[in-house]
Each structure stands twice: as C-alpha cells, then as structure tokens.
C-alpha cells in the first residue's frame, strides 16, 4: 500500500494524538479515516447539488425537449 507523509504543527499533532488516544486508535488510523470521510463528504455534497439542479430544472428541460421536436 502506498504511503503519504503529512506535516503538522506541534499543536495539531498534539490534538491528533489526543483524539486518536481518546478513541483508542492509532494516529495513522485516525488520520486515514478522517481523510476518507472528507473525500466521501465532498462526493455526497456534489451529488446532492446535482440532484437539486436536475429537480428544479426538470420542467424547463421538458419544455426545451418539446421545442426541439
């Protein structure tokens, strides 16, 4: 598996260590899951926005499709 080195300030590293310890996890596991969660959240937000645009433009798209035939 590929690796990635991250740089943190001492304060950030202390906070990461504290959160990981509080959850009984390694810092690596905690950081990995945080990154994956952030990536999935971006995808979820994009999909929600796309669904919203499709829903609100549904009638306009229907009318435009009739004009082209």
Protein backbone atom coordinates (compact mmCIF):
# COMPACT_ATOMS: atom_id res chain seq x y z
CA UNK A 1 0.00 0.00 0.00
CA UNK A 2 1.28 3.49 -0.86
CA UNK A 3 2.14 5.94 1.90
CA UNK A 4 1.93 9.68 2.39
CA UNK A 5 3.88 11.87 4.77
CA UNK A 6 1.96 14.71 6.37
CA UNK A 7 3.34 17.66 8.29
CA UNK A 8 1.60 19.09 11.35
CA UNK A 9 2.39 21.87 13.76
CA UNK A 10 3.13 20.71 17.30
CA UNK A 11 -0.34 21.88 18.37
CA UNK A 12 -2.02 19.98 15.52
CA UNK A 13 -0.03 16.86 16.28
CA UNK A 14 -0.92 17.09 19.97
CA UNK A 15 -4.62 17.43 19.06
CA UNK A 16 -4.40 14.49 16.66
CA UNK A 17 -2.68 12.36 19.29
CA UNK A 18 -5.30 13.27 21.90
CA UNK A 19 -8.25 12.47 19.61
CA UNK A 20 -6.75 9.18 18.48
CA UNK A 21 -5.98 8.16 22.06
CA UNK A 22 -9.49 9.13 23.18
CA UNK A 23 -10.89 6.76 20.55
CA UNK A 24 -8.36 4.04 21.32
CA UNK A 25 -6.89 4.24 17.83
CA UNK A 26 -3.54 4.92 16.25
CA UNK A 27 -2.89 8.39 14.86
CA UNK A 28 -2.37 6.82 11.42
CA UNK A 29 -5.75 5.07 11.51
CA UNK A 30 -7.49 8.19 12.79
CA UNK A 31 -5.91 10.45 10.13
CA UNK A 32 -6.63 7.93 7.35
CA UNK A 33 -10.30 7.70 8.27
CA UNK A 34 -10.58 11.49 8.56
CA UNK A 35 -9.24 11.94 5.02
CA UNK A 36 -11.54 9.24 3.61
CA UNK A 37 -14.53 10.81 5.37
CA UNK A 38 -13.69 14.23 3.93
CA UNK A 39 -13.42 12.81 0.42
CA UNK A 40 -16.74 11.00 0.74
CA UNK A 41 -18.43 14.12 2.10
CA UNK A 42 -17.29 16.14 -0.94
CA UNK A 43 -18.79 13.49 -3.23
CA UNK A 44 -22.02 13.45 -1.24
CA UNK A 45 -22.36 17.23 -1.38
CA UNK A 46 -21.70 17.26 -5.14
CA UNK A 47 -24.31 14.56 -5.72
CA UNK A 48 -26.87 16.41 -3.60
CA UNK A 49 -26.25 19.61 -5.56
CA UNK A 50 -26.54 17.81 -8.91
CA UNK A 51 -29.81 16.17 -7.81
CA UNK A 52 -31.16 19.55 -6.74
CA UNK A 53 -30.28 21.20 -10.07
CA UNK A 54 -31.89 18.36 -12.01
CA UNK A 55 -35.04 18.56 -9.90
CA UNK A 56 -35.52 22.33 -10.14
CA UNK A 57 -34.77 22.40 -13.88
CA UNK A 58 -36.95 19.40 -14.73
CA UNK A 59 -39.84 21.44 -16.14
CA UNK A 60 -37.56 23.70 -18.17
CA UNK A 61 -35.77 20.69 -19.62
CA UNK A 62 -39.13 19.12 -20.54
CA UNK A 63 -40.23 22.30 -22.36
CA UNK A 64 -36.91 22.62 -24.15
CA UNK A 65 -37.12 18.99 -25.29
CA UNK A 66 -40.56 19.66 -26.81
CA UNK A 67 -39.25 22.69 -28.72
CA UNK A 68 -36.58 20.58 -30.38
CA UNK A 69 -39.03 18.08 -31.86
